[in-house]
PDB file of N, CA and C in Angstrom:
ATOM      1  N   MET A   1       0.804  -1.433  -0.041  1.00  0.00           N
ATOM      2  CA  MET A   1       0.364  -0.091  -0.345  1.00  0.00           C
ATOM      3  C   MET A   1       0.692   1.282  -0.020  1.00  0.00           C
ATOM      4  N   PHE A   2       0.272   1.975  -0.932  1.00  0.00           N
ATOM      5  CA  PHE A   2       1.076   3.934  -0.545  1.00  0.00           C
ATOM      6  C   PHE A   2       0.084   4.917  -0.953  1.00  0.00           C
ATOM      7  N   GLN A   3       0.692   5.687  -0.520  1.00  0.00           N
ATOM      8  CA  GLN A   3      -0.237   6.725  -0.934  1.00  0.00           C
ATOM      9  C   GLN A   3       0.334   7.687  -1.688  1.00  0.00           C
ATOM     10  N   VAL A   4      -1.079   8.268  -2.596  1.00  0.00           N
ATOM     11  CA  VAL A   4      -0.644   9.163  -3.530  1.00  0.00           C
ATOM     12  C   VAL A   4       0.091  10.292  -2.861  1.00  0.00           C
ATOM     13  N   GLN A   5       1.046  11.032  -3.354  1.00  0.00           N
ATOM     14  CA  GLN A   5       1.675  11.708  -3.176  1.00  0.00           C
ATOM     15  C   GLN A   5       0.981  13.020  -3.909  1.00  0.00           C
ATOM     16  N   CYS A   6       1.648  14.130  -3.537  1.00  0.00           N
ATOM     17  CA  CYS A   6       1.632  15.690  -4.499  1.00  0.00           C
ATOM     18  C   CYS A   6       0.389  15.802  -5.049  1.00  0.00           C
ATOM     19  N   ILE A   7      -0.750  15.507  -4.519  1.00  0.00           N
ATOM     20  CA  ILE A   7      -1.840  15.947  -4.538  1.00  0.00           C
ATOM     21  C   ILE A   7      -2.251  17.588  -4.068  1.00  0.00           C
ATOM     22  N   THR A   8      -2.423  18.172  -4.768  1.00  0.00           N
ATOM     23  CA  THR A   8      -2.950  20.059  -4.550  1.00  0.00           C
ATOM     24  C   THR A   8      -4.385  20.083  -4.378  1.00  0.00           C
ATOM     25  N   ASP A   9      -4.632  21.065  -4.431  1.00  0.00           N
ATOM     26  CA  ASP A   9      -5.698  22.050  -4.638  1.00  0.00           C
ATOM     27  C   ASP A   9      -6.087  22.430  -5.574  1.00  0.00           C
ATOM     28  N   ALA A  10      -5.379  21.845  -6.919  1.00  0.00           N
ATOM     29  CA  ALA A  10      -5.458  22.273  -8.144  1.00  0.00           C
ATOM     30  C   ALA A  10      -6.959  21.808  -8.686  1.00  0.00           C
ATOM     31  N   PRO A  11      -7.887  22.475  -9.191  1.00  0.00           N
ATOM     32  CA  PRO A  11      -9.339  21.280  -9.602  1.00  0.00           C
ATOM     33  C   PRO A  11      -9.382  20.550 -10.269  1.00  0.00           C
ATOM     34  N   GLN A  12      -7.885  20.336 -11.295  1.00  0.00           N
ATOM     35  CA  GLN A  12      -8.207  19.455 -11.858  1.00  0.00           C
ATOM     36  C   GLN A  12      -6.567  18.927 -11.995  1.00  0.00           C
ATOM     37  N   GLN A  13      -6.649  17.527 -11.912  1.00  0.00           N
ATOM     38  CA  GLN A  13      -4.738  16.748 -11.786  1.00  0.00           C
ATOM     39  C   GLN A  13      -4.900  15.508 -12.503  1.00  0.00           C
ATOM     40  N   ASN A  14      -3.909  14.846 -12.546  1.00  0.00           N
ATOM     41  CA  ASN A  14      -3.555  13.602 -12.773  1.00  0.00           C
ATOM     42  C   ASN A  14      -2.237  13.343 -12.530  1.00  0.00           C
ATOM     43  N   PHE A  15      -2.786  11.604 -12.011  1.00  0.00           N
ATOM     44  CA  PHE A  15      -1.400  10.678 -11.694  1.00  0.00           C
ATOM     45  C   PHE A  15      -0.810   9.852 -12.800  1.00  0.00           C
ATOM     46  N   ASN A  16      -0.004   8.793 -12.720  1.00  0.00           N
ATOM     47  CA  ASN A  16       0.407   8.247 -13.671  1.00  0.00           C
ATOM     48  C   ASN A  16       1.200   7.128 -12.158  1.00  0.00           C
ATOM     49  N   ILE A  17       0.338   6.037 -12.596  1.00  0.00           N
ATOM     50  CA  ILE A  17       1.213   5.322 -11.049  1.00  0.00           C
ATOM     51  C   ILE A  17       1.433   3.894 -11.720  1.00  0.00           C
ATOM     52  N   ARG A  18       2.592   3.302 -11.578  1.00  0.00           N
ATOM     53  CA  ARG A  18       3.303   1.809 -11.691  1.00  0.00           C
ATOM     54  C   ARG A  18       2.519   1.092 -10.739  1.00  0.00           C
ATOM     55  N   LEU A  19       2.043   0.127 -11.100  1.00  0.00           N
ATOM     56  CA  LEU A  19       1.329  -1.093 -10.189  1.00  0.00           C
ATOM     57  C   LEU A  19       2.639  -2.247 -10.375  1.00  0.00           C
ATOM     58  N   GLU A  20       1.881  -2.665  -9.057  1.00  0.00           N
ATOM     59  CA  GLU A  20       3.552  -4.684  -8.819  1.00  0.00           C
ATOM     60  C   GLU A  20       3.285  -4.892  -9.950  1.00  0.00           C
ATOM     61  N   ASP A  21       2.223  -5.051 -10.654  1.00  0.00           N
ATOM     62  CA  ASP A  21       2.727  -6.098 -12.458  1.00  0.00           C
ATOM     63  C   ASP A  21       3.374  -5.033 -12.878  1.00  0.00           C
ATOM     64  N   ASN A  22       3.367  -4.393 -12.721  1.00  0.00           N
ATOM     65  CA  ASN A  22       4.275  -3.003 -13.690  1.00  0.00           C
ATOM     66  C   ASN A  22       3.408  -2.683 -14.572  1.00  0.00           C
ATOM     67  N   SER A  23       2.130  -3.189 -14.386  1.00  0.00           N
ATOM     68  CA  SER A  23       0.666  -2.060 -15.666  1.00  0.00           C
ATOM     69  C   SER A  23       0.501  -0.438 -14.802  1.00  0.00           C
ATOM     70  N   LEU A  24       0.069   0.180 -15.683  1.00  0.00           N
ATOM     71  CA  LEU A  24       0.066   1.792 -15.494  1.00  0.00           C
ATOM     72  C   LEU A  24      -1.336   2.080 -15.249  1.00  0.00           C
ATOM     73  N   LEU A  25      -1.587   2.411 -13.999  1.00  0.00           N
ATOM     74  CA  LEU A  25      -2.838   3.460 -13.994  1.00  0.00           C
ATOM     75  C   LEU A  25      -3.007   4.400 -13.795  1.00  0.00           C
ATOM     76  N   SER A  26      -3.666   5.022 -14.362  1.00  0.00           N
ATOM     77  CA  SER A  26      -4.191   6.664 -14.236  1.00  0.00           C
ATOM     78  C   SER A  26      -4.939   7.073 -13.916  1.00  0.00           C
ATOM     79  N   LEU A  27      -4.603   8.000 -12.922  1.00  0.00           N
ATOM     80  CA  LEU A  27      -5.949   8.596 -11.738  1.00  0.00           C
ATOM     81  C   LEU A  27      -5.787   9.843 -11.743  1.00  0.00           C
ATOM     82  N   SER A  28      -7.379  10.341 -12.198  1.00  0.00           N
ATOM     83  CA  SER A  28      -7.813  11.794 -12.226  1.00  0.00           C
ATOM     84  C   SER A  28      -8.326  12.047 -11.677  1.00  0.00           C
ATOM     85  N   LEU A  29      -8.254  13.336 -10.969  1.00  0.00           N
ATOM     86  CA  LEU A  29      -8.978  13.807 -10.105  1.00  0.00           C
ATOM     87  C   LEU A  29      -9.535  15.058 -10.529  1.00  0.00           C
ATOM     88  N   LYS A  30     -10.900  15.467 -10.358  1.00  0.00           N
ATOM     89  CA  LYS A  30     -11.589  16.706 -10.443  1.00  0.00           C
ATOM     90  C   LYS A  30     -12.354  17.311  -9.697  1.00  0.00           C
ATOM     91  N   TYR A  31     -12.454  18.884  -9.143  1.00  0.00           N
ATOM     92  CA  TYR A  31     -13.184  19.423  -8.321  1.00  0.00           C
ATOM     93  C   TYR A  31     -14.183  20.056  -8.828  1.00  0.00           C
ATOM     94  N   VAL A  32     -15.496  19.462  -8.796  1.00  0.00           N
ATOM     95  CA  VAL A  32     -16.445  20.575  -9.192  1.00  0.00           C
ATOM     96  C   VAL A  32     -17.231  21.606  -7.977  1.00  0.00           C
ATOM     97  N   ASP A  33     -16.924  22.515  -7.948  1.00  0.00           N
ATOM     98  CA  ASP A  33     -17.358  23.599  -7.091  1.00  0.00           C
ATOM     99  C   ASP A  33     -18.625  23.669  -6.756  1.00  0.00           C
ATOM    100  N   SER A  34     -19.323  23.472  -7.561  1.00  0.00           N
ATOM    101  CA  SER A  34     -20.809  23.398  -7.660  1.00  0.00           C
ATOM    102  C   SER A  34     -21.610  22.427  -7.148  1.00  0.00           C
ATOM    103  N   GLN A  35     -20.692  21.248  -7.287  1.00  0.00           N
ATOM    104  CA  GLN A  35     -21.625  19.971  -6.202  1.00  0.00           C
ATOM    105  C   GLN A  35     -20.580  19.926  -4.860  1.00  0.00           C
ATOM    106  N   ASN A  36     -19.730  20.832  -4.480  1.00  0.00           N
ATOM    107  CA  ASN A  36     -18.586  20.846  -3.588  1.00  0.00           C
ATOM    108  C   ASN A  36     -18.352  19.097  -3.425  1.00  0.00           C
ATOM    109  N   SER A  37     -17.726  18.452  -4.204  1.00  0.00           N
ATOM    110  CA  SER A  37     -17.380  17.390  -4.192  1.00  0.00           C
ATOM    111  C   SER A  37     -15.721  17.189  -5.441  1.00  0.00           C
ATOM    112  N   TRP A  38     -15.327  16.145  -4.783  1.00  0.00           N
ATOM    113  CA  TRP A  38     -14.000  15.840  -5.583  1.00  0.00           C
ATOM    114  C   TRP A  38     -14.343  14.321  -6.577  1.00  0.00           C
ATOM    115  N   PHE A  39     -14.288  14.158  -7.554  1.00  0.00           N
ATOM    116  CA  PHE A  39     -14.257  13.311  -8.610  1.00  0.00           C
ATOM    117  C   PHE A  39     -13.288  12.388  -8.878  1.00  0.00           C
ATOM    118  N   TYR A  40     -13.252  11.464  -9.178  1.00  0.00           N
ATOM    119  CA  TYR A  40     -12.204  10.331 -10.063  1.00  0.00           C
ATOM    120  C   TYR A  40     -12.274   9.764 -11.453  1.00  0.00           C
ATOM    121  N   ALA A  41     -11.693   9.728 -11.977  1.00  0.00           N
ATOM    122  CA  ALA A  41     -11.725   8.471 -13.124  1.00  0.00           C
ATOM    123  C   ALA A  41     -10.488   7.751 -13.268  1.00  0.00           C
ATOM    124  N   ILE A  42     -10.254   6.900 -13.511  1.00  0.00           N
ATOM    125  CA  ILE A  42      -9.023   5.772 -13.795  1.00  0.00           C
ATOM    126  C   ILE A  42      -9.002   5.274 -15.365  1.00  0.00           C
ATOM    127  N   SER A  43      -7.940   5.163 -15.669  1.00  0.00           N
ATOM    128  CA  SER A  43      -7.435   4.377 -16.726  1.00  0.00           C
ATOM    129  C   SER A  43      -6.537   3.428 -16.401  1.00  0.00           C
ATOM    130  N   HIS A  44      -7.192   1.801 -16.836  1.00  0.00           N
ATOM    131  CA  HIS A  44      -5.722   0.433 -16.450  1.00  0.00           C
ATOM    132  C   HIS A  44      -6.236  -0.323 -18.029  1.00  0.00           C
ATOM    133  N   PRO A  45      -5.048  -0.950 -17.892  1.00  0.00           N
ATOM    134  CA  PRO A  45      -5.507  -2.073 -19.112  1.00  0.00           C
ATOM    135  C   PRO A  45      -7.137  -2.761 -18.630  1.00  0.00           C
ATOM    136  N   LYS A  46      -7.206  -3.244 -17.408  1.00  0.00           N
ATOM    137  CA  LYS A  46      -8.514  -4.143 -17.458  1.00  0.00           C
ATOM    138  C   LYS A  46      -9.268  -3.238 -16.782  1.00  0.00           C
ATOM    139  N   LEU A  47     -10.017  -2.311 -16.784  1.00  0.00           N
ATOM    140  CA  LEU A  47     -10.916  -1.081 -16.238  1.00  0.00           C
ATOM    141  C   LEU A  47     -10.557   0.187 -16.620  1.00  0.00           C
ATOM    142  N   THR A  48     -11.395   0.868 -17.116  1.00  0.00           N
ATOM    143  CA  THR A  48     -11.895   2.850 -17.265  1.00  0.00           C
ATOM    144  C   THR A  48     -13.064   2.953 -16.495  1.00  0.00           C
ATOM    145  N   LEU A  49     -12.723   4.185 -15.929  1.00  0.00           N
ATOM    146  CA  LEU A  49     -14.305   4.561 -15.130  1.00  0.00           C
ATOM    147  C   LEU A  49     -14.026   6.226 -15.416  1.00  0.00           C
ATOM    148  N   ASN A  50     -14.943   6.523 -15.988  1.00  0.00           N
ATOM    149  CA  ASN A  50     -15.119   8.013 -16.241  1.00  0.00           C
ATOM    150  C   ASN A  50     -16.044   8.693 -14.886  1.00  0.00           C
ATOM    151  N   TYR A  51     -15.483   9.762 -14.335  1.00  0.00           N
ATOM    152  CA  TYR A  51     -15.871  10.317 -13.326  1.00  0.00           C
ATOM    153  C   TYR A  51     -17.271   9.772 -12.463  1.00  0.00           C
ATOM    154  N   ALA A  52     -16.928   9.263 -11.258  1.00  0.00           N
ATOM    155  CA  ALA A  52     -17.373   9.145 -10.257  1.00  0.00           C
ATOM    156  C   ALA A  52     -17.181   9.876  -9.097  1.00  0.00           C
ATOM    157  N   ARG A  53     -17.830  10.312  -8.252  1.00  0.00           N
ATOM    158  CA  ARG A  53     -17.448  10.815  -7.216  1.00  0.00           C
ATOM    159  C   ARG A  53     -16.879  10.327  -6.065  1.00  0.00           C
ATOM    160  N   LEU A  54     -15.469  11.163  -4.864  1.00  0.00           N
ATOM    161  CA  LEU A  54     -14.728  10.363  -4.926  1.00  0.00           C
ATOM    162  C   LEU A  54     -15.659  10.098  -3.186  1.00  0.00           C
ATOM    163  N   THR A  55     -15.245   8.840  -2.783  1.00  0.00           N
ATOM    164  CA  THR A  55     -16.094   8.963  -1.104  1.00  0.00           C
ATOM    165  C   THR A  55     -14.850   8.623  -0.227  1.00  0.00           C
ATOM    166  N   SER A  56     -15.125   8.472   0.995  1.00  0.00           N
ATOM    167  CA  SER A  56     -14.273   7.979   1.852  1.00  0.00           C
ATOM    168  C   SER A  56     -14.469   7.012   2.192  1.00  0.00           C
ATOM    169  N   THR A  57     -13.692   5.627   1.748  1.00  0.00           N
ATOM    170  CA  THR A  57     -14.183   4.391   1.848  1.00  0.00           C
ATOM    171  C   THR A  57     -12.856   3.504   1.828  1.00  0.00           C
ATOM    172  N   PHE A  58     -13.020   2.032   2.113  1.00  0.00           N
ATOM    173  CA  PHE A  58     -11.270   1.428   2.876  1.00  0.00           C
ATOM    174  C   PHE A  58     -11.118   1.198   1.159  1.00  0.00           C
ATOM    175  N   SER A  59     -12.756   0.683   0.333  1.00  0.00           N
ATOM    176  CA  SER A  59     -12.228   0.118  -1.060  1.00  0.00           C
ATOM    177  C   SER A  59     -13.216   0.443  -2.052  1.00  0.00           C
ATOM    178  N   LEU A  60     -12.414   1.576  -2.820  1.00  0.00           N
ATOM    179  CA  LEU A  60     -13.393   2.473  -3.578  1.00  0.00           C
ATOM    180  C   LEU A  60     -13.749   1.576  -5.072  1.00  0.00           C
ATOM    181  N   LEU A  61     -12.904   0.065  -5.172  1.00  0.00           N
ATOM    182  CA  LEU A  61     -12.691  -0.349  -6.448  1.00  0.00           C
ATOM    183  C   LEU A  61     -13.664  -1.345  -6.233  1.00  0.00           C
ATOM    184  N   TYR A  62     -14.209  -1.996  -4.877  1.00  0.00           N
ATOM    185  CA  TYR A  62     -14.660  -3.011  -4.577  1.00  0.00           C
ATOM    186  C   TYR A  62     -15.426  -3.849  -5.586  1.00  0.00           C
ATOM    187  N   GLN A  63     -15.963  -3.487  -6.446  1.00  0.00           N
ATOM    188  CA  GLN A  63     -17.142  -4.031  -6.938  1.00  0.00           C
ATOM    189  C   GLN A  63     -16.452  -4.484  -8.159  1.00  0.00           C
ATOM    190  N   TRP A  64     -14.914  -4.064  -8.788  1.00  0.00           N
ATOM    191  CA  TRP A  64     -14.082  -4.870  -9.655  1.00  0.00           C
ATOM    192  C   TRP A  64     -12.979  -5.676  -9.650  1.00  0.00           C
ATOM    193  N   GLN A  65     -13.271  -6.223  -7.997  1.00  0.00           N
ATOM    194  CA  GLN A  65     -12.070  -6.819  -7.498  1.00  0.00           C
ATOM    195  C   GLN A  65     -11.703  -8.106  -8.231  1.00  0.00           C
ATOM    196  N   SER A  66     -12.447  -8.599  -9.352  1.00  0.00           N
ATOM    197  CA  SER A  66     -12.483  -9.799  -9.874  1.00  0.00           C
ATOM    198  C   SER A  66     -11.961 -10.055 -11.188  1.00  0.00           C
ATOM    199  N   ILE A  67     -11.910  -8.231 -11.802  1.00  0.00           N
ATOM    200  CA  ILE A  67     -10.814  -8.069 -12.861  1.00  0.00           C
ATOM    201  C   ILE A  67     -10.214  -6.715 -12.729  1.00  0.00           C
ATOM    202  N   ILE A  68      -9.638  -7.022 -11.647  1.00  0.00           N
ATOM    203  CA  ILE A  68      -8.221  -5.857 -11.059  1.00  0.00           C
ATOM    204  C   ILE A  68      -7.635  -6.656  -9.949  1.00  0.00           C
ATOM    205  N   ASN A  69      -6.174  -6.519  -9.895  1.00  0.00           N
ATOM    206  CA  ASN A  69      -5.571  -6.463  -8.914  1.00  0.00           C
ATOM    207  C   ASN A  69      -4.818  -5.441  -7.743  1.00  0.00           C
ATOM    208  N   PHE A  70      -5.555  -4.337  -8.152  1.00  0.00           N
ATOM    209  CA  PHE A  70      -5.565  -3.595  -6.949  1.00  0.00           C
ATOM    210  C   PHE A  70      -6.541  -2.873  -7.002  1.00  0.00           C
ATOM    211  N   ASP A  71      -6.599  -1.574  -5.747  1.00  0.00           N
ATOM    212  CA  ASP A  71      -7.612  -1.168  -4.920  1.00  0.00           C
ATOM    213  C   ASP A  71      -7.078   0.589  -4.498  1.00  0.00           C
ATOM    214  N   ILE A  72      -8.346   1.361  -4.555  1.00  0.00           N
ATOM    215  CA  ILE A  72      -7.955   2.365  -4.153  1.00  0.00           C
ATOM    216  C   ILE A  72      -8.490   3.172  -2.924  1.00  0.00           C
ATOM    217  N   SER A  73      -7.970   3.348  -1.844  1.00  0.00           N
ATOM    218  CA  SER A  73      -8.803   3.456  -0.621  1.00  0.00           C
ATOM    219  C   SER A  73      -8.350   5.126  -0.060  1.00  0.00           C
ATOM    220  N   VAL A  74      -9.996   5.646   0.422  1.00  0.00           N
ATOM    221  CA  VAL A  74      -9.608   6.603   0.861  1.00  0.00           C
ATOM    222  C   VAL A  74     -10.192   7.234   2.659  1.00  0.00           C
ATOM    223  N   SER A  75      -9.227   7.517   2.438  1.00  0.00           N
ATOM    224  CA  SER A  75      -9.303   7.374   3.859  1.00  0.00           C
ATOM    225  C   SER A  75      -9.283   9.305   4.604  1.00  0.00           C
ATOM    226  N   SER A  76      -9.850   9.484   5.264  1.00  0.00           N
ATOM    227  CA  SER A  76     -10.674  10.440   5.647  1.00  0.00           C
ATOM    228  C   SER A  76     -10.388  10.967   7.058  1.00  0.00           C
ATOM    229  N   THR A  77      -9.803  12.251   8.477  1.00  0.00           N
ATOM    230  CA  THR A  77      -9.904  12.209   9.696  1.00  0.00           C
ATOM    231  C   THR A  77     -10.773  12.490  10.385  1.00  0.00           C
ATOM    232  N   ASP A  78     -11.826  12.456   9.692  1.00  0.00           N
ATOM    233  CA  ASP A  78     -13.074  12.719  10.182  1.00  0.00           C
ATOM    234  C   ASP A  78     -13.963  11.614   9.393  1.00  0.00           C
ATOM    235  N   ILE A  79     -15.798  11.853   9.129  1.00  0.00           N
ATOM    236  CA  ILE A  79     -16.176  10.856   9.207  1.00  0.00           C
ATOM    237  C   ILE A  79     -16.689  11.491   7.585  1.00  0.00           C
ATOM    238  N   TYR A  80     -16.624  12.434   7.315  1.00  0.00           N
ATOM    239  CA  TYR A  80     -17.314  13.176   5.857  1.00  0.00           C
ATOM    240  C   TYR A  80     -15.806  12.875   4.639  1.00  0.00           C
ATOM    241  N   ASP A  81     -16.994  12.228   3.859  1.00  0.00           N
ATOM    242  CA  ASP A  81     -16.147  12.766   2.258  1.00  0.00           C
ATOM    243  C   ASP A  81     -15.618  13.796   1.941  1.00  0.00           C
ATOM    244  N   PRO A  82     -14.989  13.396   0.901  1.00  0.00           N
ATOM    245  CA  PRO A  82     -13.987  14.810   0.285  1.00  0.00           C
ATOM    246  C   PRO A  82     -15.065  15.931  -0.204  1.00  0.00           C
ATOM    247  N   ALA A  83     -14.878  16.855   0.386  1.00  0.00           N
ATOM    248  CA  ALA A  83     -15.838  18.026  -0.225  1.00  0.00           C
ATOM    249  C   ALA A  83     -15.036  19.724  -0.428  1.00  0.00           C
ATOM    250  N   PHE A  84     -14.300  19.585   0.212  1.00  0.00           N
ATOM    251  CA  PHE A  84     -13.539  20.698  -0.390  1.00  0.00           C
ATOM    252  C   PHE A  84     -12.685  21.001  -0.654  1.00  0.00           C
ATOM    253  N   GLN A  85     -12.243  21.912  -1.665  1.00  0.00           N
ATOM    254  CA  GLN A  85     -10.751  21.842  -2.680  1.00  0.00           C
ATOM    255  C   GLN A  85      -9.607  21.972  -1.866  1.00  0.00           C
ATOM    256  N   THR A  86      -9.341  21.910  -0.613  1.00  0.00           N
ATOM    257  CA  THR A  86      -8.205  21.898   0.228  1.00  0.00           C
ATOM    258  C   THR A  86      -7.822  21.069   1.011  1.00  0.00           C
ATOM    259  N   ASP A  87      -9.013  19.650   0.665  1.00  0.00           N
ATOM    260  CA  ASP A  87      -8.993  18.596   1.450  1.00  0.00           C
ATOM    261  C   ASP A  87      -7.714  18.044   1.266  1.00  0.00           C
ATOM    262  N   PHE A  88      -6.913  17.624   0.375  1.00  0.00           N
ATOM    263  CA  PHE A  88      -5.647  16.757   0.094  1.00  0.00           C
ATOM    264  C   PHE A  88      -4.803  17.925   0.759  1.00  0.00           C
ATOM    265  N   THR A  89      -4.554  19.195   0.652  1.00  0.00           N
ATOM    266  CA  THR A  89      -3.911  19.829   1.104  1.00  0.00           C
ATOM    267  C   THR A  89      -3.488  19.916   2.596  1.00  0.00           C
ATOM    268  N   THR A  90      -4.564  19.584   3.263  1.00  0.00           N
ATOM    269  CA  THR A  90      -4.758  19.972   4.725  1.00  0.00           C
ATOM    270  C   THR A  90      -4.483  18.588   5.385  1.00  0.00           C
ATOM    271  N   GLY A  91      -4.609  17.516   4.502  1.00  0.00           N
ATOM    272  CA  GLY A  91      -4.661  16.910   5.363  1.00  0.00           C
ATOM    273  C   GLY A  91      -5.707  15.703   5.444  1.00  0.00           C
ATOM    274  N   ARG A  92      -6.790  16.580   5.510  1.00  0.00           N
ATOM    275  CA  ARG A  92      -8.299  15.711   6.203  1.00  0.00           C
ATOM    276  C   ARG A  92      -8.239  14.823   4.977  1.00  0.00           C
ATOM    277  N   ILE A  93      -8.310  14.769   3.532  1.00  0.00           N
ATOM    278  CA  ILE A  93      -8.377  13.592   3.166  1.00  0.00           C
ATOM    279  C   ILE A  93      -6.990  12.896   2.367  1.00  0.00           C
ATOM    280  N   GLU A  94      -6.886  11.723   2.215  1.00  0.00           N
ATOM    281  CA  GLU A  94      -5.544  10.802   1.879  1.00  0.00           C
ATOM    282  C   GLU A  94      -5.997  10.089   0.792  1.00  0.00           C
ATOM    283  N   ILE A  95      -5.570   9.021  -0.062  1.00  0.00           N
ATOM    284  CA  ILE A  95      -5.534   8.529  -1.141  1.00  0.00           C
ATOM    285  C   ILE A  95      -4.528   7.640  -1.079  1.00  0.00           C
ATOM    286  N   TYR A  96      -4.738   6.510  -1.349  1.00  0.00           N
ATOM    287  CA  TYR A  96      -4.043   5.121  -0.979  1.00  0.00           C
ATOM    288  C   TYR A  96      -4.177   4.254  -2.178  1.00  0.00           C
ATOM    289  N   VAL A  97      -3.218   3.728  -2.741  1.00  0.00           N
ATOM    290  CA  VAL A  97      -3.019   2.708  -3.685  1.00  0.00           C
ATOM    291  C   VAL A  97      -2.648   1.415  -3.037  1.00  0.00           C
ATOM    292  N   LEU A  98      -4.123   0.034  -2.999  1.00  0.00           N
ATOM    293  CA  LEU A  98      -3.764  -1.075  -2.122  1.00  0.00           C
ATOM    294  C   LEU A  98      -3.139  -1.721  -3.756  1.00  0.00           C
ATOM    295  N   THR A  99      -2.397  -2.712  -2.804  1.00  0.00           N
ATOM    296  CA  THR A  99      -1.973  -3.920  -3.659  1.00  0.00           C
ATOM    297  C   THR A  99      -2.514  -5.258  -3.307  1.00  0.00           C
ATOM    298  N   GLN A 100      -3.031  -6.213  -4.401  1.00  0.00           N
ATOM    299  CA  GLN A 100      -3.693  -7.540  -4.457  1.00  0.00           C
ATOM    300  C   GLN A 100      -3.908  -7.998  -2.724  1.00  0.00           C
ATOM    301  N   ASP A 101      -2.576  -8.170  -2.358  1.00  0.00           N
ATOM    302  CA  ASP A 101      -2.192  -8.852  -0.716  1.00  0.00           C
ATOM    303  C   ASP A 101      -3.038  -7.872   0.104  1.00  0.00           C
ATOM    304  N   ASP A 102      -2.788  -6.564   0.005  1.00  0.00           N
ATOM    305  CA  ASP A 102      -3.613  -5.588   0.837  1.00  0.00           C
ATOM    306  C   ASP A 102      -5.116  -5.941   0.872  1.00  0.00           C
ATOM    307  N   ARG A 103      -5.794  -5.472  -0.442  1.00  0.00           N
ATOM    308  CA  ARG A 103      -7.338  -5.892  -0.438  1.00  0.00           C
ATOM    309  C   ARG A 103      -7.283  -7.037   0.396  1.00  0.00           C
ATOM    310  N   ILE A 104      -6.741  -8.837   0.068  1.00  0.00           N
ATOM    311  CA  ILE A 104      -6.880  -9.703   0.771  1.00  0.00           C
ATOM    312  C   ILE A 104      -7.148  -9.644   2.233  1.00  0.00           C
ATOM    313  N   TYR A 105      -5.939  -8.981   2.699  1.00  0.00           N
ATOM    314  CA  TYR A 105      -5.915  -8.858   3.792  1.00  0.00           C
ATOM    315  C   TYR A 105      -6.586  -8.057   4.860  1.00  0.00           C
ATOM    316  N   LEU A 106      -7.418  -6.295   3.690  1.00  0.00           N
ATOM    317  CA  LEU A 106      -8.543  -5.683   4.055  1.00  0.00           C
ATOM    318  C   LEU A 106     -10.006  -6.870   3.805  1.00  0.00           C
ATOM    319  N   ASP A 107     -10.038  -7.287   3.417  1.00  0.00           N
ATOM    320  CA  ASP A 107     -11.414  -8.367   3.260  1.00  0.00           C
ATOM    321  C   ASP A 107     -11.559  -9.166   4.123  1.00  0.00           C
ATOM    322  N   SER A 108     -10.504  -9.659   4.708  1.00  0.00           N
ATOM    323  CA  SER A 108     -10.333 -10.656   5.666  1.00  0.00           C
ATOM    324  C   SER A 108     -10.528  -9.785   6.925  1.00  0.00           C
ATOM    325  N   LEU A 109     -10.140  -8.466   7.064  1.00  0.00           N
ATOM    326  CA  LEU A 109     -10.584  -7.666   8.193  1.00  0.00           C
ATOM    327  C   LEU A 109     -11.940  -7.714   8.736  1.00  0.00           C
ATOM    328  N   ILE A 110     -12.689  -7.316   7.125  1.00  0.00           N
ATOM    329  CA  ILE A 110     -13.956  -6.602   6.848  1.00  0.00           C
ATOM    330  C   ILE A 110     -14.891  -7.732   7.299  1.00  0.00           C
ATOM    331  N   THR A 111     -14.457  -8.977   6.904  1.00  0.00           N
ATOM    332  CA  THR A 111     -15.206 -10.296   6.742  1.00  0.00           C
ATOM    333  C   THR A 111     -15.315 -10.908   7.995  1.00  0.00           C
ATOM    334  N   GLY A 112     -14.356 -10.708   9.458  1.00  0.00           N
ATOM    335  CA  GLY A 112     -13.811 -11.216  10.634  1.00  0.00           C
ATOM    336  C   GLY A 112     -13.127 -12.305  10.780  1.00  0.00           C
ATOM    337  N   GLN A 113     -12.397 -12.477   9.655  1.00  0.00           N
ATOM    338  CA  GLN A 113     -11.798 -13.812   9.181  1.00  0.00           C
ATOM    339  C   GLN A 113     -10.242 -13.401  10.075  1.00  0.00           C
ATOM    340  N   ILE A 114     -10.387 -12.695  10.016  1.00  0.00           N
ATOM    341  CA  ILE A 114      -8.810 -11.825  11.137  1.00  0.00           C
ATOM    342  C   ILE A 114      -9.615 -11.323  12.552  1.00  0.00           C
ATOM    343  N   ALA A 115      -9.618 -11.466  13.353  1.00  0.00           N
ATOM    344  CA  ALA A 115      -9.865 -11.149  14.826  1.00  0.00           C
ATOM    345  C   ALA A 115      -8.701  -9.902  15.405  1.00  0.00           C
ATOM    346  N   ASN A 116      -9.596  -8.770  15.540  1.00  0.00           N
ATOM    347  CA  ASN A 116      -8.886  -7.296  15.868  1.00  0.00           C
ATOM    348  C   ASN A 116      -7.670  -7.171  15.298  1.00  0.00           C
ATOM    349  N   GLY A 117      -7.635  -7.555  13.748  1.00  0.00           N
ATOM    350  CA  GLY A 117      -6.064  -7.600  13.377  1.00  0.00           C
ATOM    351  C   GLY A 117      -5.358  -8.223  13.295  1.00  0.00           C
ATOM    352  N   THR A 118      -5.149  -8.960  14.159  1.00  0.00           N
ATOM    353  CA  THR A 118      -4.024  -9.445  14.033  1.00  0.00           C
ATOM    354  C   THR A 118      -4.448 -11.333  13.027  1.00  0.00           C
TER     355      THR A 118
END
């Protein structure tokens, strides 16, 4: 798991991330002021998504886990979804790319197969 670094408060941003299997993930972030929200798009050889609302979640791409070997986690210092253009620069919101092993471990925690995170 690693954090996506260098996210600013610019309303449109693009990141190219090399994954464990050497494939390239393109992540685009867009802030829409009229909706007080961040949106994301991804492009990967096995999956393309065009701008969906970014929400705080352990597993943003869970529904596609059968076709991709990575995931994106969005964490918040509070219980709220990304809503402010400065969310990343203030540290309130962080984005992480999860490997397949991270995702398997997270699934085990969520389903209770691993008690107390051990």
